[in-house]
Amino acid sequence: MKKLTKYFFIVHTAMLLITGFGIWFILYKFFPDIMVDRYYIIPLFFYLLGIIFIYRFRRTPVNEPKKMVNLYMLMRMIKIFTSFVIILIYWLLDKIHIRNFAVIFVIFYLINLIWETYIYMRMELYFKYKDKQQKSSQKNIEL
């Protein structure tokens, strides 16, 4: 599990660096009127949440898939709530550029949703594989 978690941390970091700089470059070159001053908040927010979620899934028991589903749904709700709070705080601080910030935030949210779904599917497959290995080793011991 440590190897898989390390892989997800590295790929998550690379994905958000590429996405963050890529979207920043596109906005800077082609849509400078949409660019917001505190753009760095958006990729940083999704990076930190991704690290927390990967770390939390690492601690999920392999033999309890219901807990994994509950954790996944809880993390989705936390992400939606914290996203709303971030947008609300930005709205209170900079009402003029809130529309641009919200549009960029939603784009990042969708990209991140796809990425995290991939991570969670891979983790679930890993958990099923480990569970199947444990069950087969128990059968061999009983024979």
N, C-alpha and C. Protein backbone atom coordinates (compact mmCIF):
# COMPACT_ATOMS: atom_id res chain seq x y z
N MET A 1 0.82 -1.19 0.00
CA MET A 1 0.00 0.00 0.00
C MET A 1 0.86 1.26 0.00
N LYS A 2 2.03 1.19 0.67
CA LYS A 2 2.90 2.36 0.71
C LYS A 2 3.39 2.73 -0.69
N LYS A 3 3.69 1.71 -1.48
CA LYS A 3 4.18 1.95 -2.84
C LYS A 3 3.09 2.62 -3.68
N LEU A 4 1.86 2.13 -3.57
CA LEU A 4 0.73 2.71 -4.30
C LEU A 4 0.46 4.15 -3.85
N THR A 5 0.51 4.38 -2.55
CA THR A 5 0.29 5.72 -2.01
C THR A 5 1.37 6.68 -2.48
N LYS A 6 2.60 6.23 -2.46
CA LYS A 6 3.72 7.06 -2.93
C LYS A 6 3.53 7.41 -4.41
N TYR A 7 3.13 6.41 -5.19
CA TYR A 7 2.85 6.63 -6.61
C TYR A 7 1.76 7.69 -6.79
N PHE A 8 0.67 7.58 -6.02
CA PHE A 8 -0.42 8.56 -6.13
C PHE A 8 0.02 9.95 -5.70
N PHE A 9 0.85 10.05 -4.67
CA PHE A 9 1.35 11.36 -4.26
C PHE A 9 2.18 12.00 -5.37
N ILE A 10 3.05 11.22 -5.97
CA ILE A 10 3.91 11.75 -7.04
C ILE A 10 3.08 12.15 -8.26
N VAL A 11 2.17 11.26 -8.68
CA VAL A 11 1.37 11.55 -9.86
C VAL A 11 0.40 12.71 -9.58
N HIS A 12 -0.14 12.78 -8.38
CA HIS A 12 -1.04 13.88 -8.01
C HIS A 12 -0.29 15.22 -8.06
N THR A 13 0.92 15.23 -7.53
CA THR A 13 1.73 16.45 -7.57
C THR A 13 2.03 16.84 -9.01
N ALA A 14 2.46 15.90 -9.82
CA ALA A 14 2.78 16.19 -11.22
C ALA A 14 1.54 16.66 -11.97
N MET A 15 0.41 16.00 -11.75
CA MET A 15 -0.82 16.36 -12.44
C MET A 15 -1.26 17.78 -12.09
N LEU A 16 -1.19 18.13 -10.82
CA LEU A 16 -1.62 19.47 -10.45
C LEU A 16 -0.62 20.54 -10.88
N LEU A 17 0.66 20.23 -10.89
CA LEU A 17 1.63 21.20 -11.41
C LEU A 17 1.41 21.45 -12.90
N ILE A 18 1.22 20.38 -13.65
CA ILE A 18 0.99 20.52 -15.09
C ILE A 18 -0.33 21.25 -15.35
N THR A 19 -1.38 20.84 -14.66
CA THR A 19 -2.69 21.49 -14.85
C THR A 19 -2.65 22.94 -14.40
N GLY A 20 -2.05 23.18 -13.24
CA GLY A 20 -1.98 24.55 -12.72
C GLY A 20 -1.24 25.50 -13.65
N PHE A 21 -0.04 25.08 -14.07
CA PHE A 21 0.73 25.93 -14.97
C PHE A 21 0.10 25.99 -16.36
N GLY A 22 -0.49 24.88 -16.79
CA GLY A 22 -1.13 24.86 -18.11
C GLY A 22 -2.31 25.82 -18.19
N ILE A 23 -3.18 25.76 -17.20
CA ILE A 23 -4.34 26.67 -17.21
C ILE A 23 -3.88 28.11 -17.02
N TRP A 24 -2.87 28.31 -16.14
CA TRP A 24 -2.35 29.67 -15.96
C TRP A 24 -1.80 30.21 -17.28
N PHE A 25 -1.04 29.39 -18.01
CA PHE A 25 -0.47 29.83 -19.28
C PHE A 25 -1.56 30.15 -20.29
N ILE A 26 -2.57 29.30 -20.38
CA ILE A 26 -3.68 29.54 -21.32
C ILE A 26 -4.40 30.83 -20.97
N LEU A 27 -4.66 31.02 -19.68
CA LEU A 27 -5.33 32.26 -19.26
C LEU A 27 -4.45 33.48 -19.52
N TYR A 28 -3.17 33.38 -19.22
CA TYR A 28 -2.24 34.49 -19.38
C TYR A 28 -2.08 34.88 -20.85
N LYS A 29 -1.96 33.88 -21.73
CA LYS A 29 -1.73 34.16 -23.14
C LYS A 29 -3.00 34.50 -23.91
N PHE A 30 -4.07 33.74 -23.68
CA PHE A 30 -5.25 33.86 -24.54
C PHE A 30 -6.44 34.57 -23.89
N PHE A 31 -6.52 34.54 -22.58
CA PHE A 31 -7.65 35.16 -21.88
C PHE A 31 -7.17 36.00 -20.70
N PRO A 32 -6.35 37.02 -20.94
CA PRO A 32 -5.80 37.79 -19.81
C PRO A 32 -6.88 38.55 -19.02
N ASP A 33 -8.02 38.83 -19.65
CA ASP A 33 -9.07 39.53 -18.94
C ASP A 33 -9.78 38.64 -17.91
N ILE A 34 -9.64 37.33 -18.03
CA ILE A 34 -10.26 36.39 -17.08
C ILE A 34 -9.33 36.10 -15.90
N MET A 35 -8.04 36.33 -16.06
CA MET A 35 -7.07 36.01 -15.01
C MET A 35 -7.38 36.74 -13.72
N VAL A 36 -7.27 36.04 -12.60
CA VAL A 36 -7.51 36.63 -11.28
C VAL A 36 -6.18 36.77 -10.55
N ASP A 37 -6.12 37.69 -9.60
CA ASP A 37 -4.88 37.97 -8.88
C ASP A 37 -4.42 36.79 -8.03
N ARG A 38 -5.34 36.16 -7.37
CA ARG A 38 -4.99 35.07 -6.45
C ARG A 38 -5.27 33.70 -7.09
N TYR A 39 -4.82 33.53 -8.28
CA TYR A 39 -5.02 32.27 -9.03
C TYR A 39 -4.39 31.09 -8.30
N TYR A 40 -3.25 31.31 -7.68
CA TYR A 40 -2.51 30.23 -7.03
C TYR A 40 -3.32 29.53 -5.94
N ILE A 41 -4.33 30.18 -5.41
CA ILE A 41 -5.17 29.58 -4.37
C ILE A 41 -5.88 28.34 -4.89
N ILE A 42 -6.32 28.37 -6.14
CA ILE A 42 -7.12 27.28 -6.70
C ILE A 42 -6.31 25.98 -6.80
N PRO A 43 -5.16 25.96 -7.50
CA PRO A 43 -4.41 24.70 -7.55
C PRO A 43 -3.91 24.25 -6.17
N LEU A 44 -3.54 25.22 -5.33
CA LEU A 44 -3.07 24.87 -3.99
C LEU A 44 -4.18 24.20 -3.17
N PHE A 45 -5.39 24.70 -3.27
CA PHE A 45 -6.53 24.12 -2.58
C PHE A 45 -6.76 22.67 -3.01
N PHE A 46 -6.79 22.43 -4.30
CA PHE A 46 -7.03 21.08 -4.80
C PHE A 46 -5.85 20.15 -4.50
N TYR A 47 -4.65 20.69 -4.49
CA TYR A 47 -3.48 19.87 -4.15
C TYR A 47 -3.55 19.41 -2.70
N LEU A 48 -3.82 20.33 -1.80
CA LEU A 48 -3.89 19.97 -0.38
C LEU A 48 -5.02 18.99 -0.09
N LEU A 49 -6.18 19.22 -0.68
CA LEU A 49 -7.29 18.28 -0.47
C LEU A 49 -6.96 16.90 -1.04
N GLY A 50 -6.31 16.86 -2.18
CA GLY A 50 -5.92 15.59 -2.77
C GLY A 50 -4.96 14.82 -1.89
N ILE A 51 -3.99 15.51 -1.31
CA ILE A 51 -3.03 14.86 -0.41
C ILE A 51 -3.74 14.31 0.83
N ILE A 52 -4.64 15.10 1.39
CA ILE A 52 -5.40 14.65 2.55
C ILE A 52 -6.22 13.42 2.20
N PHE A 53 -6.88 13.43 1.05
CA PHE A 53 -7.72 12.31 0.67
C PHE A 53 -6.92 11.05 0.38
N ILE A 54 -5.79 11.19 -0.29
CA ILE A 54 -4.94 10.02 -0.56
C ILE A 54 -4.44 9.44 0.76
N TYR A 55 -3.99 10.30 1.65
CA TYR A 55 -3.50 9.84 2.95
C TYR A 55 -4.62 9.16 3.74
N ARG A 56 -5.80 9.70 3.68
CA ARG A 56 -6.93 9.13 4.42
C ARG A 56 -7.34 7.76 3.85
N PHE A 57 -7.33 7.62 2.56
CA PHE A 57 -7.66 6.34 1.95
C PHE A 57 -6.60 5.28 2.26
N ARG A 58 -5.41 5.74 2.47
CA ARG A 58 -4.34 4.80 2.82
C ARG A 58 -4.63 4.10 4.14
N ARG A 59 -5.33 4.78 5.01
CA ARG A 59 -5.64 4.23 6.33
C ARG A 59 -6.95 3.45 6.36
N THR A 60 -7.62 3.30 5.22
CA THR A 60 -8.87 2.57 5.16
C THR A 60 -8.59 1.07 5.26
N PRO A 61 -9.33 0.35 6.11
CA PRO A 61 -9.12 -1.11 6.20
C PRO A 61 -9.44 -1.80 4.87
N VAL A 62 -8.58 -2.70 4.46
CA VAL A 62 -8.72 -3.38 3.18
C VAL A 62 -9.94 -4.29 3.16
N ASN A 63 -10.25 -4.88 4.29
CA ASN A 63 -11.33 -5.87 4.32
C ASN A 63 -12.71 -5.28 4.62
N GLU A 64 -12.86 -3.96 4.61
CA GLU A 64 -14.15 -3.33 4.88
C GLU A 64 -14.52 -2.36 3.74
N PRO A 65 -15.08 -2.88 2.65
CA PRO A 65 -15.39 -2.02 1.50
C PRO A 65 -16.49 -0.98 1.78
N LYS A 66 -17.38 -1.29 2.74
CA LYS A 66 -18.43 -0.31 3.07
C LYS A 66 -17.84 0.95 3.68
N LYS A 67 -16.80 0.79 4.48
CA LYS A 67 -16.14 1.97 5.05
C LYS A 67 -15.49 2.81 3.96
N MET A 68 -14.96 2.15 2.95
CA MET A 68 -14.33 2.88 1.86
C MET A 68 -15.35 3.71 1.09
N VAL A 69 -16.51 3.12 0.82
CA VAL A 69 -17.56 3.86 0.11
C VAL A 69 -18.04 5.03 0.96
N ASN A 70 -18.24 4.80 2.25
CA ASN A 70 -18.67 5.87 3.14
C ASN A 70 -17.63 6.98 3.21
N LEU A 71 -16.36 6.59 3.28
CA LEU A 71 -15.28 7.58 3.31
C LEU A 71 -15.25 8.38 2.01
N TYR A 72 -15.42 7.71 0.89
CA TYR A 72 -15.43 8.39 -0.40
C TYR A 72 -16.56 9.42 -0.46
N MET A 73 -17.75 9.04 -0.02
CA MET A 73 -18.88 9.97 -0.04
C MET A 73 -18.66 11.12 0.95
N LEU A 74 -18.11 10.82 2.10
CA LEU A 74 -17.81 11.87 3.07
C LEU A 74 -16.80 12.86 2.51
N MET A 75 -15.80 12.36 1.84
CA MET A 75 -14.78 13.24 1.25
C MET A 75 -15.37 14.12 0.15
N ARG A 76 -16.29 13.57 -0.61
CA ARG A 76 -16.98 14.38 -1.64
C ARG A 76 -17.74 15.53 -0.99
N MET A 77 -18.43 15.23 0.09
CA MET A 77 -19.21 16.27 0.78
C MET A 77 -18.28 17.33 1.39
N ILE A 78 -17.18 16.89 1.97
CA ILE A 78 -16.21 17.83 2.53
C ILE A 78 -15.65 18.71 1.43
N LYS A 79 -15.35 18.12 0.29
CA LYS A 79 -14.79 18.88 -0.82
C LYS A 79 -15.79 19.92 -1.34
N ILE A 80 -17.04 19.53 -1.48
CA ILE A 80 -18.06 20.48 -1.94
C ILE A 80 -18.22 21.61 -0.94
N PHE A 81 -18.29 21.27 0.35
CA PHE A 81 -18.46 22.30 1.37
C PHE A 81 -17.26 23.25 1.42
N THR A 82 -16.04 22.70 1.44
CA THR A 82 -14.87 23.58 1.50
C THR A 82 -14.72 24.41 0.22
N SER A 83 -15.12 23.86 -0.91
CA SER A 83 -15.09 24.63 -2.16
C SER A 83 -16.04 25.82 -2.07
N PHE A 84 -17.21 25.56 -1.54
CA PHE A 84 -18.18 26.64 -1.36
C PHE A 84 -17.63 27.71 -0.42
N VAL A 85 -16.97 27.29 0.64
CA VAL A 85 -16.40 28.24 1.60
C VAL A 85 -15.30 29.07 0.94
N ILE A 86 -14.44 28.45 0.15
CA ILE A 86 -13.36 29.17 -0.53
C ILE A 86 -13.95 30.22 -1.48
N ILE A 87 -14.94 29.83 -2.26
CA ILE A 87 -15.57 30.78 -3.19
C ILE A 87 -16.26 31.90 -2.43
N LEU A 88 -16.91 31.58 -1.32
CA LEU A 88 -17.57 32.60 -0.50
C LEU A 88 -16.56 33.59 0.08
N ILE A 89 -15.44 33.08 0.58
CA ILE A 89 -14.40 33.96 1.13
C ILE A 89 -13.84 34.85 0.03
N TYR A 90 -13.59 34.28 -1.14
CA TYR A 90 -13.08 35.09 -2.24
C TYR A 90 -14.10 36.15 -2.64
N TRP A 91 -15.36 35.78 -2.63
CA TRP A 91 -16.42 36.74 -2.96
C TRP A 91 -16.43 37.90 -1.97
N LEU A 92 -16.22 37.61 -0.70
CA LEU A 92 -16.20 38.66 0.32
C LEU A 92 -14.98 39.57 0.16
N LEU A 93 -13.87 39.01 -0.29
CA LEU A 93 -12.64 39.78 -0.44
C LEU A 93 -12.54 40.53 -1.77
N ASP A 94 -13.09 39.97 -2.83
CA ASP A 94 -12.95 40.57 -4.16
C ASP A 94 -14.23 40.36 -4.97
N LYS A 95 -15.21 41.19 -4.74
CA LYS A 95 -16.52 41.02 -5.40
C LYS A 95 -16.46 41.30 -6.90
N ILE A 96 -15.51 42.07 -7.33
CA ILE A 96 -15.42 42.44 -8.74
C ILE A 96 -15.04 41.24 -9.62
N HIS A 97 -14.10 40.43 -9.15
CA HIS A 97 -13.58 39.33 -9.96
C HIS A 97 -14.13 37.96 -9.56
N ILE A 98 -15.22 37.91 -8.82
CA ILE A 98 -15.72 36.63 -8.34
C ILE A 98 -16.18 35.73 -9.48
N ARG A 99 -16.74 36.30 -10.52
CA ARG A 99 -17.21 35.48 -11.65
C ARG A 99 -16.05 34.74 -12.31
N ASN A 100 -14.96 35.46 -12.56
CA ASN A 100 -13.78 34.83 -13.18
C ASN A 100 -13.19 33.75 -12.26
N PHE A 101 -13.10 34.07 -10.98
CA PHE A 101 -12.57 33.11 -10.02
C PHE A 101 -13.44 31.86 -9.98
N ALA A 102 -14.75 32.04 -9.95
CA ALA A 102 -15.67 30.90 -9.88
C ALA A 102 -15.58 30.03 -11.14
N VAL A 103 -15.45 30.65 -12.30
CA VAL A 103 -15.35 29.88 -13.55
C VAL A 103 -14.06 29.06 -13.55
N ILE A 104 -12.95 29.66 -13.18
CA ILE A 104 -11.68 28.94 -13.13
C ILE A 104 -11.75 27.84 -12.07
N PHE A 105 -12.37 28.13 -10.95
CA PHE A 105 -12.51 27.16 -9.88
C PHE A 105 -13.31 25.95 -10.34
N VAL A 106 -14.41 26.18 -11.05
CA VAL A 106 -15.25 25.08 -11.54
C VAL A 106 -14.48 24.23 -12.56
N ILE A 107 -13.69 24.87 -13.41
CA ILE A 107 -12.88 24.11 -14.37
C ILE A 107 -11.90 23.20 -13.62
N PHE A 108 -11.23 23.75 -12.62
CA PHE A 108 -10.32 22.93 -11.82
C PHE A 108 -11.08 21.83 -11.09
N TYR A 109 -12.25 22.14 -10.58
CA TYR A 109 -13.05 21.15 -9.86
C TYR A 109 -13.38 19.96 -10.75
N LEU A 110 -13.78 20.24 -11.98
CA LEU A 110 -14.12 19.16 -12.91
C LEU A 110 -12.90 18.32 -13.28
N ILE A 111 -11.78 18.98 -13.55
CA ILE A 111 -10.55 18.25 -13.87
C ILE A 111 -10.14 17.40 -12.68
N ASN A 112 -10.20 17.97 -11.50
CA ASN A 112 -9.82 17.26 -10.29
C ASN A 112 -10.78 16.12 -9.98
N LEU A 113 -12.04 16.29 -10.28
CA LEU A 113 -13.03 15.23 -10.07
C LEU A 113 -12.69 14.00 -10.92
N ILE A 114 -12.32 14.24 -12.16
CA ILE A 114 -11.92 13.14 -13.04
C ILE A 114 -10.67 12.45 -12.48
N TRP A 115 -9.70 13.24 -12.07
CA TRP A 115 -8.45 12.70 -11.55
C TRP A 115 -8.69 11.90 -10.28
N GLU A 116 -9.44 12.45 -9.34
CA GLU A 116 -9.67 11.74 -8.08
C GLU A 116 -10.51 10.48 -8.28
N THR A 117 -11.42 10.50 -9.22
CA THR A 117 -12.19 9.30 -9.52
C THR A 117 -11.26 8.20 -10.00
N TYR A 118 -10.29 8.55 -10.82
CA TYR A 118 -9.29 7.58 -11.28
C TYR A 118 -8.50 7.02 -10.09
N ILE A 119 -8.06 7.90 -9.19
CA ILE A 119 -7.30 7.46 -8.02
C ILE A 119 -8.13 6.50 -7.17
N TYR A 120 -9.37 6.87 -6.91
CA TYR A 120 -10.20 6.05 -6.03
C TYR A 120 -10.55 4.72 -6.69
N MET A 121 -10.73 4.70 -7.99
CA MET A 121 -10.98 3.43 -8.68
C MET A 121 -9.75 2.52 -8.56
N ARG A 122 -8.58 3.09 -8.73
CA ARG A 122 -7.35 2.30 -8.61
C ARG A 122 -7.18 1.78 -7.18
N MET A 123 -7.49 2.60 -6.20
CA MET A 123 -7.37 2.15 -4.81
C MET A 123 -8.38 1.04 -4.52
N GLU A 124 -9.58 1.18 -5.03
CA GLU A 124 -10.59 0.16 -4.80
C GLU A 124 -10.17 -1.16 -5.46
N LEU A 125 -9.63 -1.09 -6.66
CA LEU A 125 -9.15 -2.30 -7.31
C LEU A 125 -8.01 -2.94 -6.51
N TYR A 126 -7.17 -2.10 -5.95
CA TYR A 126 -6.08 -2.60 -5.11
C TYR A 126 -6.63 -3.29 -3.88
N PHE A 127 -7.63 -2.66 -3.23
CA PHE A 127 -8.23 -3.26 -2.04
C PHE A 127 -8.90 -4.60 -2.37
N LYS A 128 -9.58 -4.66 -3.50
CA LYS A 128 -10.21 -5.92 -3.90
C LYS A 128 -9.16 -6.99 -4.18
N TYR A 129 -8.08 -6.60 -4.81
CA TYR A 129 -7.00 -7.54 -5.09
C TYR A 129 -6.40 -8.07 -3.79
N LYS A 130 -6.13 -7.19 -2.85
CA LYS A 130 -5.57 -7.61 -1.57
C LYS A 130 -6.54 -8.50 -0.80
N ASP A 131 -7.83 -8.16 -0.83
CA ASP A 131 -8.84 -8.96 -0.15
C ASP A 131 -8.92 -10.35 -0.77
N LYS A 132 -8.85 -10.41 -2.09
CA LYS A 132 -8.90 -11.71 -2.79
C LYS A 132 -7.65 -12.53 -2.45
N GLN A 133 -6.50 -11.88 -2.34
CA GLN A 133 -5.28 -12.59 -1.97
C GLN A 133 -5.38 -13.17 -0.56
N GLN A 134 -5.92 -12.38 0.36
CA GLN A 134 -6.07 -12.84 1.73
C GLN A 134 -7.02 -14.03 1.82
N LYS A 135 -8.12 -13.97 1.08
CA LYS A 135 -9.09 -15.06 1.11
C LYS A 135 -8.51 -16.33 0.51
N SER A 136 -7.76 -16.19 -0.57
CA SER A 136 -7.17 -17.38 -1.19
C SER A 136 -6.08 -17.97 -0.30
N SER A 137 -5.32 -17.14 0.41
CA SER A 137 -4.29 -17.67 1.30
C SER A 137 -4.92 -18.37 2.50
N GLN A 138 -6.08 -17.89 2.95
CA GLN A 138 -6.78 -18.56 4.05
C GLN A 138 -7.32 -19.91 3.59
N LYS A 139 -7.79 -20.00 2.37
CA LYS A 139 -8.27 -21.27 1.83
C LYS A 139 -7.13 -22.28 1.74
N ASN A 140 -5.96 -21.82 1.32
CA ASN A 140 -4.81 -22.71 1.22
C ASN A 140 -4.38 -23.23 2.60
N ILE A 141 -4.49 -22.39 3.61
CA ILE A 141 -4.14 -22.81 4.96
C ILE A 141 -5.12 -23.84 5.47
N GLU A 142 -6.41 -23.67 5.18
CA GLU A 142 -7.44 -24.59 5.64
C GLU A 142 -7.33 -25.95 4.96
N LEU A 143 -6.83 -26.01 3.74
CA LEU A 143 -6.70 -27.29 3.04
C LEU A 143 -5.56 -28.05 3.62
